Amino acid sequence: MSLDKVISISGKPGLYKLITQTRGGFVAESLIDNKRISVSMQNNVSVLSEIAIYTLTEEIPLSQVFINIKEKENGEKASVKAKDSKDKLEEYFFNVLPDYDEDRVYASDIKKVIQWYNLLQEHNMLNALVDEVENTSDEEE
C-alpha cells in the first residue's frame, strides 16, 4: 500500500488507511487497533505522501525519510523511542537526514516521524514504499 492511502488525522493518535469515500467525507481504518471511523471534511487530515521534511537545501518527501530510517535500522523498528529526550531524538534524526533544518523541524515532528515509521514497519508497509520509490526513480532516469 502506498502512502497515498495512509493519513494522519489531527487530534487522533496514529495513522489511518483510507477505506472508502462517503458523501460527507470518508471511512478510515486505524493502523493501531483496526477500528473504522467516519471522517468528515471538517477534520484536518494529512496524506503521508504529501508530507515533506525541511532540509537546509530542499524539502525531502517523508517516504524518503522512512527509507533512510529503514536502511539505518536494517528493516527493524527505530532504535530510539518517541519518548526519548529531545537531544537523543535530534541526534538520531541527524544520522537519518544529516542536513535537516533544525529551526523548522521540531522534536515533536521527529517524534511523529518515528512513531509513524514504527507503525508502518509493524504493518509491513515499508517494503512496498521502497519498491514504489525505486520505480519512480527508474522512470525519472
N, C-alpha and C. Protein backbone atom coordinates (compact mmCIF):
# COMPACT_ATOMS: atom_id res chain seq x y z
N MET A 1 0.84 -1.18 0.00
CA MET A 1 0.00 0.00 0.00
C MET A 1 0.89 1.24 0.00
N SER A 2 0.55 2.19 -0.85
CA SER A 2 1.36 3.40 -0.94
C SER A 2 0.93 4.40 0.13
N LEU A 3 1.75 5.42 0.32
CA LEU A 3 1.43 6.45 1.31
C LEU A 3 0.27 7.33 0.86
N ASP A 4 -0.18 7.17 -0.39
CA ASP A 4 -1.35 7.92 -0.87
C ASP A 4 -2.62 7.52 -0.12
N LYS A 5 -2.63 6.32 0.42
CA LYS A 5 -3.82 5.80 1.11
C LYS A 5 -3.66 5.82 2.63
N VAL A 6 -2.55 6.40 3.12
CA VAL A 6 -2.30 6.46 4.57
C VAL A 6 -2.40 7.92 5.00
N ILE A 7 -3.17 8.15 6.06
CA ILE A 7 -3.41 9.53 6.51
C ILE A 7 -3.17 9.67 8.01
N SER A 8 -2.94 10.91 8.38
CA SER A 8 -2.88 11.30 9.78
C SER A 8 -4.05 12.25 10.00
N ILE A 9 -4.80 12.03 11.07
CA ILE A 9 -5.95 12.88 11.37
C ILE A 9 -5.62 13.69 12.61
N SER A 10 -5.68 15.00 12.48
CA SER A 10 -5.36 15.89 13.58
C SER A 10 -6.25 15.58 14.78
N GLY A 11 -5.60 15.44 15.96
CA GLY A 11 -6.34 15.18 17.18
C GLY A 11 -6.57 13.70 17.45
N LYS A 12 -6.17 12.84 16.52
CA LYS A 12 -6.32 11.39 16.71
C LYS A 12 -4.94 10.74 16.64
N PRO A 13 -4.68 9.78 17.52
CA PRO A 13 -3.36 9.15 17.54
C PRO A 13 -3.15 8.19 16.37
N GLY A 14 -1.89 8.02 15.98
CA GLY A 14 -1.54 7.02 14.98
C GLY A 14 -1.86 7.41 13.56
N LEU A 15 -1.90 6.38 12.72
CA LEU A 15 -2.17 6.56 11.30
C LEU A 15 -3.42 5.77 10.92
N TYR A 16 -4.01 6.16 9.80
CA TYR A 16 -5.22 5.51 9.31
C TYR A 16 -5.06 5.22 7.83
N LYS A 17 -5.66 4.13 7.38
CA LYS A 17 -5.68 3.89 5.94
C LYS A 17 -7.08 4.18 5.42
N LEU A 18 -7.13 4.79 4.25
CA LEU A 18 -8.41 5.14 3.64
C LEU A 18 -9.10 3.87 3.16
N ILE A 19 -10.38 3.73 3.49
CA ILE A 19 -11.13 2.56 3.07
C ILE A 19 -12.04 2.92 1.91
N THR A 20 -12.90 3.91 2.11
CA THR A 20 -13.82 4.31 1.05
C THR A 20 -14.26 5.76 1.25
N GLN A 21 -14.74 6.34 0.19
CA GLN A 21 -15.22 7.71 0.25
C GLN A 21 -16.72 7.70 0.50
N THR A 22 -17.18 8.67 1.28
CA THR A 22 -18.62 8.81 1.53
C THR A 22 -19.06 10.19 1.03
N ARG A 23 -20.34 10.45 1.14
CA ARG A 23 -20.86 11.73 0.66
C ARG A 23 -20.24 12.90 1.41
N GLY A 24 -20.06 12.76 2.72
CA GLY A 24 -19.57 13.88 3.52
C GLY A 24 -18.13 13.73 3.99
N GLY A 25 -17.39 12.80 3.42
CA GLY A 25 -16.01 12.58 3.85
C GLY A 25 -15.52 11.22 3.41
N PHE A 26 -15.05 10.42 4.37
CA PHE A 26 -14.59 9.08 4.04
C PHE A 26 -14.51 8.22 5.29
N VAL A 27 -14.31 6.93 5.07
CA VAL A 27 -14.14 5.97 6.15
C VAL A 27 -12.67 5.59 6.20
N ALA A 28 -12.10 5.60 7.40
CA ALA A 28 -10.69 5.26 7.58
C ALA A 28 -10.58 4.19 8.66
N GLU A 29 -9.53 3.37 8.53
CA GLU A 29 -9.29 2.30 9.50
C GLU A 29 -7.97 2.55 10.21
N SER A 30 -8.01 2.51 11.54
CA SER A 30 -6.82 2.76 12.35
C SER A 30 -5.79 1.65 12.17
N LEU A 31 -4.52 2.01 12.03
CA LEU A 31 -3.46 1.01 11.97
C LEU A 31 -3.11 0.51 13.37
N ILE A 32 -3.58 1.21 14.40
CA ILE A 32 -3.28 0.81 15.77
C ILE A 32 -4.21 -0.31 16.22
N ASP A 33 -5.54 -0.10 16.07
CA ASP A 33 -6.49 -1.09 16.59
C ASP A 33 -7.49 -1.60 15.56
N ASN A 34 -7.30 -1.25 14.29
CA ASN A 34 -8.15 -1.69 13.17
C ASN A 34 -9.61 -1.24 13.27
N LYS A 35 -9.89 -0.27 14.14
CA LYS A 35 -11.26 0.25 14.23
C LYS A 35 -11.50 1.23 13.08
N ARG A 36 -12.70 1.16 12.54
CA ARG A 36 -13.06 2.06 11.44
C ARG A 36 -13.80 3.28 12.00
N ILE A 37 -13.47 4.42 11.44
CA ILE A 37 -14.14 5.66 11.86
C ILE A 37 -14.59 6.43 10.62
N SER A 38 -15.59 7.23 10.80
CA SER A 38 -16.06 8.11 9.75
C SER A 38 -15.38 9.46 9.94
N VAL A 39 -14.80 9.96 8.87
CA VAL A 39 -14.07 11.22 8.94
C VAL A 39 -14.77 12.23 8.04
N SER A 40 -15.15 13.37 8.63
CA SER A 40 -15.84 14.39 7.82
C SER A 40 -14.83 15.33 7.17
N MET A 41 -15.32 16.11 6.27
CA MET A 41 -14.46 17.06 5.56
C MET A 41 -13.95 18.17 6.49
N GLN A 42 -14.57 18.33 7.66
CA GLN A 42 -14.13 19.36 8.60
C GLN A 42 -12.85 18.96 9.33
N ASN A 43 -12.55 17.65 9.38
CA ASN A 43 -11.35 17.20 10.07
C ASN A 43 -10.10 17.64 9.30
N ASN A 44 -9.05 17.96 10.06
CA ASN A 44 -7.78 18.31 9.45
C ASN A 44 -7.02 17.01 9.18
N VAL A 45 -6.89 16.66 7.91
CA VAL A 45 -6.29 15.38 7.51
C VAL A 45 -5.06 15.65 6.66
N SER A 46 -3.99 14.87 6.92
CA SER A 46 -2.78 14.97 6.12
C SER A 46 -2.50 13.61 5.48
N VAL A 47 -2.31 13.61 4.17
CA VAL A 47 -1.94 12.39 3.45
C VAL A 47 -0.43 12.27 3.54
N LEU A 48 0.09 11.12 3.98
CA LEU A 48 1.53 10.97 4.20
C LEU A 48 2.36 11.24 2.94
N SER A 49 1.82 10.90 1.78
CA SER A 49 2.58 11.11 0.54
C SER A 49 2.79 12.60 0.24
N GLU A 50 2.00 13.46 0.89
CA GLU A 50 2.11 14.91 0.66
C GLU A 50 3.00 15.61 1.68
N ILE A 51 3.48 14.89 2.68
CA ILE A 51 4.29 15.48 3.75
C ILE A 51 5.76 15.43 3.37
N ALA A 52 6.47 16.50 3.68
CA ALA A 52 7.91 16.56 3.42
C ALA A 52 8.61 17.15 4.65
N ILE A 53 9.89 16.85 4.77
CA ILE A 53 10.70 17.35 5.88
C ILE A 53 11.65 18.41 5.34
N TYR A 54 11.74 19.53 6.04
CA TYR A 54 12.62 20.61 5.62
C TYR A 54 14.09 20.23 5.82
N THR A 55 14.91 20.50 4.80
CA THR A 55 16.36 20.42 4.97
C THR A 55 16.90 21.81 4.68
N LEU A 56 18.19 21.97 4.77
CA LEU A 56 18.78 23.28 4.52
C LEU A 56 18.71 23.68 3.05
N THR A 57 18.54 22.70 2.16
CA THR A 57 18.53 23.00 0.73
C THR A 57 17.18 22.78 0.05
N GLU A 58 16.41 21.79 0.53
CA GLU A 58 15.15 21.46 -0.13
C GLU A 58 14.22 20.77 0.86
N GLU A 59 13.06 20.34 0.38
CA GLU A 59 12.14 19.54 1.18
C GLU A 59 12.26 18.09 0.72
N ILE A 60 12.49 17.19 1.66
CA ILE A 60 12.63 15.77 1.35
C ILE A 60 11.30 15.08 1.65
N PRO A 61 10.76 14.31 0.69
CA PRO A 61 9.49 13.61 0.95
C PRO A 61 9.61 12.68 2.15
N LEU A 62 8.53 12.57 2.89
CA LEU A 62 8.50 11.71 4.07
C LEU A 62 8.84 10.26 3.70
N SER A 63 8.44 9.83 2.51
CA SER A 63 8.74 8.46 2.08
C SER A 63 10.25 8.23 2.04
N GLN A 64 11.02 9.22 1.59
CA GLN A 64 12.48 9.08 1.55
C GLN A 64 13.06 9.02 2.96
N VAL A 65 12.49 9.79 3.87
CA VAL A 65 12.94 9.76 5.27
C VAL A 65 12.69 8.37 5.86
N PHE A 66 11.51 7.80 5.57
CA PHE A 66 11.21 6.44 6.05
C PHE A 66 12.21 5.43 5.49
N ILE A 67 12.55 5.59 4.22
CA ILE A 67 13.52 4.67 3.60
C ILE A 67 14.89 4.82 4.27
N ASN A 68 15.29 6.05 4.56
CA ASN A 68 16.57 6.29 5.25
C ASN A 68 16.58 5.61 6.62
N ILE A 69 15.46 5.71 7.36
CA ILE A 69 15.38 5.08 8.67
C ILE A 69 15.44 3.56 8.50
N LYS A 70 14.72 3.05 7.50
CA LYS A 70 14.69 1.60 7.27
C LYS A 70 16.10 1.07 6.98
N GLU A 71 16.86 1.81 6.16
CA GLU A 71 18.23 1.39 5.85
C GLU A 71 19.10 1.45 7.10
N LYS A 72 18.95 2.50 7.88
CA LYS A 72 19.74 2.63 9.11
C LYS A 72 19.42 1.50 10.09
N GLU A 73 18.16 1.11 10.17
CA GLU A 73 17.72 0.10 11.14
C GLU A 73 17.67 -1.31 10.55
N ASN A 74 18.12 -1.48 9.31
CA ASN A 74 18.07 -2.79 8.64
C ASN A 74 16.67 -3.39 8.65
N GLY A 75 15.67 -2.54 8.43
CA GLY A 75 14.29 -3.02 8.34
C GLY A 75 13.60 -3.24 9.67
N GLU A 76 14.29 -3.00 10.76
CA GLU A 76 13.72 -3.20 12.09
C GLU A 76 13.07 -1.90 12.58
N LYS A 77 12.45 -1.98 13.78
CA LYS A 77 11.88 -0.77 14.39
C LYS A 77 13.00 0.22 14.72
N ALA A 78 12.63 1.48 14.85
CA ALA A 78 13.60 2.53 15.16
C ALA A 78 14.26 2.24 16.51
N SER A 79 15.56 2.51 16.59
CA SER A 79 16.31 2.22 17.81
C SER A 79 16.07 3.26 18.90
N VAL A 80 15.45 4.39 18.54
CA VAL A 80 15.07 5.37 19.56
C VAL A 80 13.57 5.29 19.76
N LYS A 81 13.14 5.75 20.89
CA LYS A 81 11.71 5.76 21.18
C LYS A 81 11.20 7.20 21.09
N ALA A 82 9.94 7.34 20.74
CA ALA A 82 9.35 8.67 20.61
C ALA A 82 9.39 9.44 21.93
N LYS A 83 9.49 8.74 23.04
CA LYS A 83 9.50 9.39 24.35
C LYS A 83 10.92 9.73 24.83
N ASP A 84 11.94 9.43 24.02
CA ASP A 84 13.31 9.75 24.40
C ASP A 84 13.50 11.27 24.46
N SER A 85 14.63 11.69 25.01
CA SER A 85 14.89 13.12 25.18
C SER A 85 15.02 13.82 23.83
N LYS A 86 14.78 15.11 23.86
CA LYS A 86 14.87 15.94 22.65
C LYS A 86 16.25 15.79 22.01
N ASP A 87 17.31 15.82 22.81
CA ASP A 87 18.68 15.71 22.28
C ASP A 87 18.91 14.38 21.59
N LYS A 88 18.42 13.31 22.20
CA LYS A 88 18.60 11.98 21.63
C LYS A 88 17.84 11.85 20.30
N LEU A 89 16.62 12.40 20.26
CA LEU A 89 15.82 12.37 19.04
C LEU A 89 16.50 13.16 17.91
N GLU A 90 17.00 14.34 18.25
CA GLU A 90 17.67 15.18 17.24
C GLU A 90 18.94 14.52 16.74
N GLU A 91 19.70 13.90 17.63
CA GLU A 91 20.93 13.21 17.22
C GLU A 91 20.60 12.06 16.26
N TYR A 92 19.57 11.30 16.59
CA TYR A 92 19.13 10.18 15.74
C TYR A 92 18.70 10.71 14.37
N PHE A 93 17.89 11.76 14.37
CA PHE A 93 17.36 12.29 13.11
C PHE A 93 18.49 12.88 12.27
N PHE A 94 19.50 13.43 12.93
CA PHE A 94 20.65 13.97 12.21
C PHE A 94 21.38 12.85 11.48
N ASN A 95 21.42 11.64 12.06
CA ASN A 95 22.03 10.48 11.39
C ASN A 95 21.20 10.01 10.21
N VAL A 96 19.88 10.17 10.31
CA VAL A 96 18.98 9.74 9.25
C VAL A 96 18.94 10.76 8.11
N LEU A 97 18.90 12.03 8.47
CA LEU A 97 18.79 13.11 7.50
C LEU A 97 19.76 14.22 7.91
N PRO A 98 21.03 14.10 7.53
CA PRO A 98 22.10 14.97 8.05
C PRO A 98 21.87 16.48 7.89
N ASP A 99 21.18 16.89 6.84
CA ASP A 99 21.04 18.34 6.63
C ASP A 99 19.62 18.84 6.93
N TYR A 100 18.89 18.14 7.83
CA TYR A 100 17.55 18.64 8.15
C TYR A 100 17.65 20.00 8.84
N ASP A 101 16.65 20.82 8.63
CA ASP A 101 16.63 22.19 9.16
C ASP A 101 16.18 22.18 10.62
N GLU A 102 17.13 22.35 11.52
CA GLU A 102 16.84 22.27 12.95
C GLU A 102 15.92 23.39 13.43
N ASP A 103 15.85 24.48 12.66
CA ASP A 103 14.99 25.60 13.06
C ASP A 103 13.53 25.36 12.69
N ARG A 104 13.29 24.52 11.68
CA ARG A 104 11.91 24.30 11.22
C ARG A 104 11.38 22.90 11.50
N VAL A 105 12.26 21.97 11.87
CA VAL A 105 11.83 20.61 12.23
C VAL A 105 11.98 20.47 13.74
N TYR A 106 10.85 20.39 14.42
CA TYR A 106 10.84 20.36 15.88
C TYR A 106 10.93 18.92 16.40
N ALA A 107 11.26 18.81 17.69
CA ALA A 107 11.33 17.49 18.33
C ALA A 107 9.98 16.77 18.20
N SER A 108 8.88 17.51 18.28
CA SER A 108 7.55 16.89 18.15
C SER A 108 7.37 16.29 16.75
N ASP A 109 7.94 16.93 15.73
CA ASP A 109 7.88 16.39 14.36
C ASP A 109 8.68 15.09 14.27
N ILE A 110 9.85 15.08 14.89
CA ILE A 110 10.71 13.89 14.87
C ILE A 110 9.99 12.74 15.58
N LYS A 111 9.33 13.05 16.71
CA LYS A 111 8.58 12.02 17.44
C LYS A 111 7.52 11.39 16.53
N LYS A 112 6.77 12.23 15.81
CA LYS A 112 5.73 11.73 14.92
C LYS A 112 6.33 10.85 13.84
N VAL A 113 7.42 11.29 13.23
CA VAL A 113 8.06 10.51 12.16
C VAL A 113 8.47 9.14 12.69
N ILE A 114 9.04 9.09 13.87
CA ILE A 114 9.47 7.82 14.45
C ILE A 114 8.27 6.94 14.78
N GLN A 115 7.23 7.52 15.38
CA GLN A 115 6.02 6.75 15.68
C GLN A 115 5.41 6.19 14.39
N TRP A 116 5.31 7.04 13.36
CA TRP A 116 4.73 6.61 12.09
C TRP A 116 5.58 5.52 11.44
N TYR A 117 6.90 5.71 11.46
CA TYR A 117 7.79 4.69 10.89
C TYR A 117 7.55 3.34 11.57
N ASN A 118 7.53 3.34 12.90
CA ASN A 118 7.34 2.09 13.65
C ASN A 118 5.99 1.45 13.33
N LEU A 119 4.96 2.26 13.18
CA LEU A 119 3.63 1.75 12.86
C LEU A 119 3.62 1.13 11.45
N LEU A 120 4.21 1.81 10.49
CA LEU A 120 4.27 1.28 9.13
C LEU A 120 5.13 0.02 9.08
N GLN A 121 6.22 0.00 9.85
CA GLN A 121 7.10 -1.16 9.89
C GLN A 121 6.36 -2.35 10.48
N GLU A 122 5.60 -2.11 11.52
CA GLU A 122 4.82 -3.15 12.20
C GLU A 122 3.81 -3.80 11.25
N HIS A 123 3.28 -3.01 10.31
CA HIS A 123 2.27 -3.50 9.37
C HIS A 123 2.87 -3.88 8.01
N ASN A 124 4.20 -4.01 7.97
CA ASN A 124 4.92 -4.40 6.74
C ASN A 124 4.54 -3.53 5.54
N MET A 125 4.43 -2.24 5.76
CA MET A 125 4.05 -1.33 4.68
C MET A 125 5.26 -0.60 4.10
N LEU A 126 6.45 -0.85 4.66
CA LEU A 126 7.63 -0.13 4.19
C LEU A 126 8.24 -0.76 2.94
N ASN A 127 8.12 -2.06 2.78
CA ASN A 127 8.70 -2.72 1.61
C ASN A 127 8.05 -2.20 0.33
N ALA A 128 6.73 -2.06 0.34
CA ALA A 128 6.03 -1.52 -0.81
C ALA A 128 6.47 -0.09 -1.08
N LEU A 129 6.75 0.63 -0.03
CA LEU A 129 7.20 2.02 -0.15
C LEU A 129 8.55 2.09 -0.84
N VAL A 130 9.47 1.21 -0.47
CA VAL A 130 10.80 1.16 -1.09
C VAL A 130 10.66 0.84 -2.57
N ASP A 131 9.84 -0.16 -2.91
CA ASP A 131 9.62 -0.52 -4.32
C ASP A 131 9.04 0.65 -5.10
N GLU A 132 8.09 1.33 -4.49
CA GLU A 132 7.43 2.47 -5.13
C GLU A 132 8.43 3.59 -5.44
N VAL A 133 9.28 3.93 -4.47
CA VAL A 133 10.27 5.00 -4.66
C VAL A 133 11.30 4.58 -5.71
N GLU A 134 11.72 3.32 -5.71
CA GLU A 134 12.67 2.84 -6.70
C GLU A 134 12.08 2.89 -8.10
N ASN A 135 10.81 2.51 -8.26
CA ASN A 135 10.15 2.57 -9.56
C ASN A 135 10.04 4.00 -10.05
N THR A 136 9.74 4.92 -9.14
CA THR A 136 9.64 6.34 -9.51
C THR A 136 10.98 6.86 -9.98
N SER A 137 12.05 6.51 -9.27
CA SER A 137 13.38 7.00 -9.67
C SER A 137 13.84 6.35 -10.98
N ASP A 138 13.44 5.09 -11.24
CA ASP A 138 13.77 4.44 -12.51
C ASP A 138 13.09 5.15 -13.67
N GLU A 139 11.84 5.57 -13.46
CA GLU A 139 11.09 6.26 -14.51
C GLU A 139 11.69 7.62 -14.81
N GLU A 140 12.25 8.28 -13.80
CA GLU A 140 12.82 9.61 -14.00
C GLU A 140 14.12 9.57 -14.77
N GLU A 141 14.84 8.44 -14.71
CA GLU A 141 16.15 8.34 -15.39
C GLU A 141 16.04 8.17 -16.84
